[in-house]
C-alpha atoms as a PDB file:
ATOM      1  CA  MET A   1      21.542 -22.107  -1.948  1.00  0.00           C
ATOM      2  CA  LEU A   2      20.050 -20.628   1.028  1.00  0.00           C
ATOM      3  CA  SER A   3      17.734 -22.939   3.019  1.00  0.00           C
ATOM      4  CA  LYS A   4      14.805 -22.594   4.981  1.00  0.00           C
ATOM      5  CA  THR A   5      16.554 -23.096   7.918  1.00  0.00           C
ATOM      6  CA  ASP A   6      19.123 -20.466   7.626  1.00  0.00           C
ATOM      7  CA  ALA A   7      18.508 -17.842  10.110  1.00  0.00           C
ATOM      8  CA  VAL A   8      18.280 -14.778   7.579  1.00  0.00           C
ATOM      9  CA  ASP A   9      15.853 -12.133   6.793  1.00  0.00           C
ATOM     10  CA  ARG A  10      17.832 -10.332   4.507  1.00  0.00           C
ATOM     11  CA  LEU A  11      20.626 -10.905   1.693  1.00  0.00           C
ATOM     12  CA  GLN A  12      23.955  -9.086   2.854  1.00  0.00           C
ATOM     13  CA  PRO A  13      25.364  -6.587   0.256  1.00  0.00           C
ATOM     14  CA  THR A  14      28.595  -6.730  -1.267  1.00  0.00           C
ATOM     15  CA  ARG A  15      31.466  -4.601  -1.710  1.00  0.00           C
ATOM     16  CA  ALA A  16      34.645  -4.678  -3.855  1.00  0.00           C
ATOM     17  CA  PRO A  17      37.632  -5.868  -2.125  1.00  0.00           C
ATOM     18  CA  ALA A  18      40.479  -3.619  -1.311  1.00  0.00           C
ATOM     19  CA  LEU A  19      43.166  -5.838  -3.229  1.00  0.00           C
ATOM     20  CA  PRO A  20      46.641  -5.278  -2.036  1.00  0.00           C
ATOM     21  CA  LEU A  21      49.363  -3.808  -4.325  1.00  0.00           C
ATOM     22  CA  ALA A  22      51.617  -6.160  -5.771  1.00  0.00           C
ATOM     23  CA  GLU A  23      54.910  -6.609  -3.822  1.00  0.00           C
ATOM     24  CA  PRO A  24      58.618  -6.089  -5.802  1.00  0.00           C
ATOM     25  CA  VAL A  25      59.007  -9.639  -5.660  1.00  0.00           C
ATOM     26  CA  TYR A  26      56.470 -12.406  -6.066  1.00  0.00           C
ATOM     27  CA  THR A  27      55.814 -14.533  -3.348  1.00  0.00           C
ATOM     28  CA  ARG A  28      53.639 -17.728  -2.722  1.00  0.00           C
ATOM     29  CA  ASP A  29      52.459 -16.292   0.401  1.00  0.00           C
ATOM     30  CA  PHE A  30      51.371 -12.840  -1.359  1.00  0.00           C
ATOM     31  CA  LYS A  31      49.712 -14.830  -4.280  1.00  0.00           C
ATOM     32  CA  ASN A  32      47.584 -17.087  -1.511  1.00  0.00           C
ATOM     33  CA  ARG A  33      46.267 -13.809   0.372  1.00  0.00           C
ATOM     34  CA  TYR A  34      45.544 -12.331  -2.700  1.00  0.00           C
ATOM     35  CA  SER A  35      43.266 -15.481  -3.996  1.00  0.00           C
ATOM     36  CA  ASN A  36      41.617 -15.488  -0.456  1.00  0.00           C
ATOM     37  CA  ILE A  37      40.687 -11.999  -0.913  1.00  0.00           C
ATOM     38  CA  LEU A  38      38.744 -12.835  -4.180  1.00  0.00           C
ATOM     39  CA  ARG A  39      37.783 -16.001  -3.129  1.00  0.00           C
ATOM     40  CA  LEU A  40      35.515 -14.721  -0.233  1.00  0.00           C
ATOM     41  CA  TYR A  41      34.306 -11.589  -2.430  1.00  0.00           C
ATOM     42  CA  PHE A  42      32.871 -14.138  -5.292  1.00  0.00           C
ATOM     43  CA  ALA A  43      31.690 -16.537  -2.429  1.00  0.00           C
ATOM     44  CA  GLN A  44      29.658 -13.298  -1.267  1.00  0.00           C
ATOM     45  CA  LEU A  45      28.619 -12.919  -4.422  1.00  0.00           C
ATOM     46  CA  ASP A  46      27.673 -16.237  -4.998  1.00  0.00           C
ATOM     47  CA  ALA A  47      25.584 -16.358  -2.204  1.00  0.00           C
ATOM     48  CA  VAL A  48      23.434 -13.292  -3.166  1.00  0.00           C
ATOM     49  CA  ILE A  49      22.783 -14.361  -6.692  1.00  0.00           C
ATOM     50  CA  GLN A  50      21.641 -17.421  -5.830  1.00  0.00           C
ATOM     51  CA  GLY A  51      19.599 -16.326  -2.938  1.00  0.00           C
ATOM     52  CA  LEU A  52      18.084 -13.986  -5.352  1.00  0.00           C
ATOM     53  CA  LEU A  53      17.406 -16.572  -8.113  1.00  0.00           C
ATOM     54  CA  GLY A  54      16.181 -19.302  -6.058  1.00  0.00           C
ATOM     55  CA  GLY A  55      12.642 -20.284  -6.228  1.00  0.00           C
ATOM     56  CA  GLU A  56      11.951 -17.879  -2.654  1.00  0.00           C
ATOM     57  CA  GLY A  57      14.130 -15.409  -3.655  1.00  0.00           C
ATOM     58  CA  GLY A  58      11.644 -12.329  -3.667  1.00  0.00           C
ATOM     59  CA  GLN A  59      11.387 -12.674   0.219  1.00  0.00           C
ATOM     60  CA  TYR A  60      14.714 -10.904   0.073  1.00  0.00           C
ATOM     61  CA  LEU A  61      13.629  -7.989  -2.166  1.00  0.00           C
ATOM     62  CA  GLN A  62      12.109  -4.615  -0.611  1.00  0.00           C
ATOM     63  CA  SER A  63       9.654  -2.433  -3.294  1.00  0.00           C
ATOM     64  CA  PRO A  64       8.224   0.774  -3.077  1.00  0.00           C
ATOM     65  CA  HIS A  65       4.698   0.404  -1.162  1.00  0.00           C
ATOM     66  CA  ILE A  66       2.115   1.816   1.461  1.00  0.00           C
ATOM     67  CA  ALA A  67      -0.752   0.644   3.499  1.00  0.00           C
ATOM     68  CA  ALA A  68      -2.953   2.542   5.206  1.00  0.00           C
ATOM     69  CA  GLN A  69      -6.358   2.732   7.173  1.00  0.00           C
ATOM     70  CA  ASP A  70      -8.606   5.144   8.838  1.00  0.00           C
ATOM     71  CA  THR A  71     -10.805   4.133  12.088  1.00  0.00           C
ATOM     72  CA  THR A  72     -12.704   6.972  11.975  1.00  0.00           C
ATOM     73  CA  ASP A  73     -16.536   7.583  10.578  1.00  0.00           C
ATOM     74  CA  GLN A  74     -16.118   9.484   7.364  1.00  0.00           C
ATOM     75  CA  TYR A  75     -18.706  11.916   5.818  1.00  0.00           C
ATOM     76  CA  ALA A  76     -19.527  13.096   2.649  1.00  0.00           C
ATOM     77  CA  THR A  77     -18.947  17.121   2.453  1.00  0.00           C
ATOM     78  CA  ALA A  78     -22.614  17.098   0.974  1.00  0.00           C
ATOM     79  CA  SER A  79     -24.753  15.130  -1.292  1.00  0.00           C
ATOM     80  CA  ASN A  80     -23.153  15.222  -4.918  1.00  0.00           C
ATOM     81  CA  THR A  81     -19.675  16.584  -3.730  1.00  0.00           C
ATOM     82  CA  PRO A  82     -16.351  15.363  -4.150  1.00  0.00           C
ATOM     83  CA  THR A  83     -14.993  14.477  -0.857  1.00  0.00           C
ATOM     84  CA  LYS A  84     -11.222  13.158  -0.374  1.00  0.00           C
ATOM     85  CA  VAL A  85     -11.176   8.975   1.614  1.00  0.00           C
ATOM     86  CA  LEU A  86      -8.872  10.001   4.813  1.00  0.00           C
ATOM     87  CA  TRP A  87      -6.529   7.906   5.988  1.00  0.00           C
ATOM     88  CA  ASN A  88      -5.270   8.072   9.576  1.00  0.00           C
ATOM     89  CA  THR A  89      -3.020   5.039  10.391  1.00  0.00           C
ATOM     90  CA  LEU A  90      -0.073   3.910   8.353  1.00  0.00           C
ATOM     91  CA  ASP A  91       0.304   0.326   8.170  1.00  0.00           C
ATOM     92  CA  SER A  92       3.444  -0.451   6.200  1.00  0.00           C
ATOM     93  CA  GLY A  93       5.242   1.711   4.143  1.00  0.00           C
ATOM     94  CA  ALA A  94       8.724   2.289   1.994  1.00  0.00           C
ATOM     95  CA  GLY A  95       9.268   4.870  -0.815  1.00  0.00           C
ATOM     96  CA  PHE A  96       6.117   6.609  -0.080  1.00  0.00           C
ATOM     97  CA  THR A  97       4.979   9.419   2.714  1.00  0.00           C
ATOM     98  CA  LEU A  98       1.532   9.545   4.046  1.00  0.00           C
ATOM     99  CA  ASN A  99       0.676  13.396   4.131  1.00  0.00           C
ATOM    100  CA  LEU A 100      -1.604  15.441   6.857  1.00  0.00           C
ATOM    101  CA  ASP A 101      -4.117  15.418   3.861  1.00  0.00           C
ATOM    102  CA  SER A 102      -4.150  11.753   3.474  1.00  0.00           C
ATOM    103  CA  THR A 103      -2.638  11.923   0.050  1.00  0.00           C
ATOM    104  CA  ALA A 104       0.402   9.796  -0.470  1.00  0.00           C
ATOM    105  CA  THR A 105       3.710  10.914  -2.310  1.00  0.00           C
ATOM    106  CA  ALA A 106       5.691   8.410  -4.310  1.00  0.00           C
ATOM    107  CA  ALA A 107       9.404   8.790  -4.022  1.00  0.00           C
ATOM    108  CA  TYR A 108       9.871   6.574  -7.089  1.00  0.00           C
ATOM    109  CA  GLY A 109       8.218   7.002 -10.492  1.00  0.00           C
ATOM    110  CA  GLY A 110       6.782   3.983 -11.984  1.00  0.00           C
ATOM    111  CA  VAL A 111       3.738   1.535 -12.505  1.00  0.00           C
ATOM    112  CA  TYR A 112       2.024   1.284  -9.200  1.00  0.00           C
ATOM    113  CA  LYS A 113      -1.194  -0.905  -8.300  1.00  0.00           C
ATOM    114  CA  ILE A 114      -3.862   0.548  -5.960  1.00  0.00           C
ATOM    115  CA  ASP A 115      -5.935  -1.891  -3.594  1.00  0.00           C
ATOM    116  CA  PHE A 116      -8.912  -0.341  -1.649  1.00  0.00           C
ATOM    117  CA  SER A 117     -11.635  -1.454   0.312  1.00  0.00           C
ATOM    118  CA  ILE A 118     -14.354   0.737   1.741  1.00  0.00           C
ATOM    119  CA  GLN A 119     -17.077   0.211   3.966  1.00  0.00           C
ATOM    120  CA  PHE A 120     -20.214   2.333   2.697  1.00  0.00           C
ATOM    121  CA  THR A 121     -23.104   2.226   4.919  1.00  0.00           C
ATOM    122  CA  ASN A 122     -26.588   3.480   3.994  1.00  0.00           C
ATOM    123  CA  THR A 123     -29.091   4.586   6.766  1.00  0.00           C
ATOM    124  CA  ALA A 124     -31.913   5.649   4.144  1.00  0.00           C
ATOM    125  CA  SER A 125     -34.943   3.730   2.917  1.00  0.00           C
ATOM    126  CA  ALA A 126     -33.951   3.681  -0.466  1.00  0.00           C
ATOM    127  CA  ILE A 127     -30.585   2.322  -2.810  1.00  0.00           C
ATOM    128  CA  HIS A 128     -28.147   5.036  -3.288  1.00  0.00           C
ATOM    129  CA  ASP A 129     -25.369   5.509  -5.762  1.00  0.00           C
ATOM    130  CA  SER A 130     -21.792   6.076  -4.715  1.00  0.00           C
ATOM    131  CA  TYR A 131     -18.662   6.486  -6.402  1.00  0.00           C
ATOM    132  CA  LEU A 132     -14.898   6.241  -5.366  1.00  0.00           C
ATOM    133  CA  TRP A 133     -11.997   7.266  -7.891  1.00  0.00           C
ATOM    134  CA  LEU A 134      -8.614   8.529  -7.826  1.00  0.00           C
ATOM    135  CA  ARG A 135      -6.909  11.990  -8.262  1.00  0.00           C
ATOM    136  CA  VAL A 136      -2.956  12.309  -9.192  1.00  0.00           C
ATOM    137  CA  ASN A 137      -1.805  15.963  -8.131  1.00  0.00           C
ATOM    138  CA  ASN A 138      -5.202  16.440  -7.172  1.00  0.00           C
ATOM    139  CA  VAL A 139      -6.404  15.812 -11.055  1.00  0.00           C
ATOM    140  CA  ASP A 140      -8.821  13.206 -11.471  1.00  0.00           C
ATOM    141  CA  LEU A 141      -7.423   9.923 -13.092  1.00  0.00           C
ATOM    142  CA  PRO A 142      -8.980   8.916 -16.394  1.00  0.00           C
ATOM    143  CA  GLY A 143     -10.946   5.986 -16.263  1.00  0.00           C
ATOM    144  CA  SER A 144     -10.190   5.307 -12.138  1.00  0.00           C
ATOM    145  CA  SER A 145     -13.645   5.441 -11.322  1.00  0.00           C
ATOM    146  CA  SER A 146     -16.142   2.456  -9.565  1.00  0.00           C
ATOM    147  CA  LYS A 147     -19.748   2.688  -9.233  1.00  0.00           C
ATOM    148  CA  PHE A 148     -21.232   0.974  -6.015  1.00  0.00           C
ATOM    149  CA  SER A 149     -24.895   0.887  -5.352  1.00  0.00           C
ATOM    150  CA  ILE A 150     -25.599   0.749  -1.843  1.00  0.00           C
ATOM    151  CA  PRO A 151     -28.962  -1.236  -0.421  1.00  0.00           C
ATOM    152  CA  ALA A 152     -31.648   0.527   1.425  1.00  0.00           C
ATOM    153  CA  ARG A 153     -31.411   0.124   4.849  1.00  0.00           C
ATOM    154  CA  LYS A 154     -32.686  -3.200   6.417  1.00  0.00           C
ATOM    155  CA  SER A 155     -35.238  -1.026   8.675  1.00  0.00           C
ATOM    156  CA  ALA A 156     -35.444   1.849  10.520  1.00  0.00           C
ATOM    157  CA  GLY A 157     -32.044   2.164  12.899  1.00  0.00           C
ATOM    158  CA  VAL A 158     -30.749  -0.643  11.331  1.00  0.00           C
ATOM    159  CA  PRO A 159     -28.630   0.438   7.849  1.00  0.00           C
ATOM    160  CA  SER A 160     -27.273  -1.522   5.241  1.00  0.00           C
ATOM    161  CA  HIS A 161     -23.675  -2.064   4.709  1.00  0.00           C
ATOM    162  CA  LEU A 162     -21.740  -2.743   1.372  1.00  0.00           C
ATOM    163  CA  ILE A 163     -17.850  -2.791   0.928  1.00  0.00           C
ATOM    164  CA  GLY A 164     -16.616  -1.183  -1.978  1.00  0.00           C
ATOM    165  CA  TYR A 165     -13.358  -2.605  -3.728  1.00  0.00           C
ATOM    166  CA  SER A 166     -11.592  -1.912  -6.502  1.00  0.00           C
ATOM    167  CA  SER A 167      -8.042  -2.208  -7.913  1.00  0.00           C
ATOM    168  CA  ILE A 168      -6.290   0.076 -10.693  1.00  0.00           C
ATOM    169  CA  THR A 169      -2.777   0.217 -12.007  1.00  0.00           C
ATOM    170  CA  PHE A 170      -1.453   3.193 -13.271  1.00  0.00           C
ATOM    171  CA  GLU A 171       1.577   5.192 -13.972  1.00  0.00           C
ATOM    172  CA  ILE A 172       3.142   8.245 -11.746  1.00  0.00           C
ATOM    173  CA  ASP A 173       6.483  10.163 -11.367  1.00  0.00           C
ATOM    174  CA  ALA A 174       8.557  10.829  -8.637  1.00  0.00           C
ATOM    175  CA  GLY A 175       6.827  13.358  -6.129  1.00  0.00           C
ATOM    176  CA  ASP A 176       3.424  13.064  -7.538  1.00  0.00           C
ATOM    177  CA  SER A 177       0.806  12.809  -4.648  1.00  0.00           C
ATOM    178  CA  ILE A 178      -1.967  10.195  -5.074  1.00  0.00           C
ATOM    179  CA  GLY A 179      -5.412  10.633  -3.260  1.00  0.00           C
ATOM    180  CA  LEU A 180      -8.606   8.733  -3.033  1.00  0.00           C
ATOM    181  CA  TRP A 181     -12.190  10.569  -3.437  1.00  0.00           C
ATOM    182  CA  TRP A 182     -15.605   9.432  -3.018  1.00  0.00           C
ATOM    183  CA  ALA A 183     -19.200  11.207  -3.567  1.00  0.00           C
ATOM    184  CA  THR A 184     -22.886  10.168  -2.899  1.00  0.00           C
ATOM    185  CA  ASP A 185     -25.956  11.397  -4.042  1.00  0.00           C
ATOM    186  CA  LEU A 186     -27.393  11.662  -0.537  1.00  0.00           C
ATOM    187  CA  ALA A 187     -24.928  12.178   2.050  1.00  0.00           C
ATOM    188  CA  TYR A 188     -25.698  10.996   5.422  1.00  0.00           C
ATOM    189  CA  ASN A 189     -25.463  13.795   8.120  1.00  0.00           C
ATOM    190  CA  PRO A 190     -24.664  13.002  11.633  1.00  0.00           C
ATOM    191  CA  VAL A 191     -25.460  16.611  12.883  1.00  0.00           C
ATOM    192  CA  GLY A 192     -29.270  16.437  11.745  1.00  0.00           C
ATOM    193  CA  PRO A 193     -29.448  13.729  11.604  1.00  0.00           C
ATOM    194  CA  VAL A 194     -30.198  13.414   7.624  1.00  0.00           C
ATOM    195  CA  ASP A 195     -30.156   9.950   6.646  1.00  0.00           C
ATOM    196  CA  GLY A 196     -27.765   8.614   3.752  1.00  0.00           C
ATOM    197  CA  VAL A 197     -25.003   7.256   2.814  1.00  0.00           C
ATOM    198  CA  TYR A 198     -21.499   7.519   5.070  1.00  0.00           C
ATOM    199  CA  LEU A 199     -18.086   5.407   5.385  1.00  0.00           C
ATOM    200  CA  GLU A 200     -18.499   3.545   8.550  1.00  0.00           C
ATOM    201  CA  HIS A 201     -15.865   2.066  11.162  1.00  0.00           C
ATOM    202  CA  GLU A 202     -16.253  -0.340  13.897  1.00  0.00           C
ATOM    203  CA  ASP A 203     -14.017  -0.732  16.785  1.00  0.00           C
ATOM    204  CA  VAL A 204     -13.005  -4.364  18.191  1.00  0.00           C
ATOM    205  CA  GLN A 205     -15.828  -6.124  19.354  1.00  0.00           C
ATOM    206  CA  THR A 206     -16.166  -8.599  22.222  1.00  0.00           C
ATOM    207  CA  VAL A 207     -19.868  -9.651  21.857  1.00  0.00           C
ATOM    208  CA  PRO A 208     -21.168 -11.936  20.503  1.00  0.00           C
ATOM    209  CA  TYR A 209     -17.772 -13.250  19.446  1.00  0.00           C
ATOM    210  CA  ALA A 210     -14.186 -11.505  19.381  1.00  0.00           C
ATOM    211  CA  ARG A 211     -13.244  -9.996  16.490  1.00  0.00           C
ATOM    212  CA  PRO A 212     -11.021  -7.184  15.237  1.00  0.00           C
ATOM    213  CA  SER A 213     -11.648  -3.557  14.388  1.00  0.00           C
ATOM    214  CA  ASN A 214     -13.210  -2.612  10.866  1.00  0.00           C
ATOM    215  CA  PRO A 215     -12.092   0.171   9.650  1.00  0.00           C
ATOM    216  CA  SER A 216     -13.885   2.712   7.160  1.00  0.00           C
ATOM    217  CA  ALA A 217     -11.434   2.405   4.786  1.00  0.00           C
ATOM    218  CA  ILE A 218      -8.262   0.510   3.963  1.00  0.00           C
ATOM    219  CA  GLY A 219      -6.065   0.400   1.006  1.00  0.00           C
ATOM    220  CA  SER A 220      -2.300  -0.195  -0.112  1.00  0.00           C
ATOM    221  CA  ILE A 221      -0.029   0.808  -3.274  1.00  0.00           C
ATOM    222  CA  VAL A 222       2.453  -1.117  -4.326  1.00  0.00           C
ATOM    223  CA  PHE A 223       5.213  -0.912  -7.383  1.00  0.00           C
ATOM    224  CA  VAL A 224       4.583  -2.885 -10.271  1.00  0.00           C
ATOM    225  CA  SER A 225       7.211  -2.355 -12.717  1.00  0.00           C
ATOM    226  CA  ARG A 226       9.734   0.996 -14.087  1.00  0.00           C
ATOM    227  CA  LYS A 227       7.964   2.858 -16.588  1.00  0.00           C
ATOM    228  CA  ALA A 228       8.739   1.527 -20.430  1.00  0.00           C
END
């Protein structure tokens, strides 16, 4: 069994050994060499199996996943208009491609779970509703929508904030592309400006205390299971 002090971060894959052909005449030396090759191979198999089946064996497994965020403010195209949530930073990933159109394409089919956190900001003086939902291959995923009521601003020039979080489990096929979409009944327009709702990011802060940046969107998709 591997111990916590073992300086390894992955199990070494095994490969069936090339066993020597039998010699015309039996010798003890050949028998010992043959047995040693098998002994080494089975020892490697034991190490892999014991490592995987141990209480912490999951640390050696890598599953398809992707994690991303966006470091910009995001604005709806217009009020009551579906708008794609954007992602400009890939935090980690395996078995997924983050596309330039802010969708993620899966290399493997299966059951996946998506978690996302969106920072809504409302500059208007009334409560406004916003929705978030998934599209797979640009088609709405049934049952994936969540509604969020964004509180009215605190005062003129001081907006309100609300984190829209949801978690959805769904099936996809290899090659499917997943996108997150949103809409609001009153879209903020930074050019006007027109008060309303948008997705806000915040850069790293040092005053009144040091804290990391706030992405406007952060999310991950992780593999749960193969399809039944």
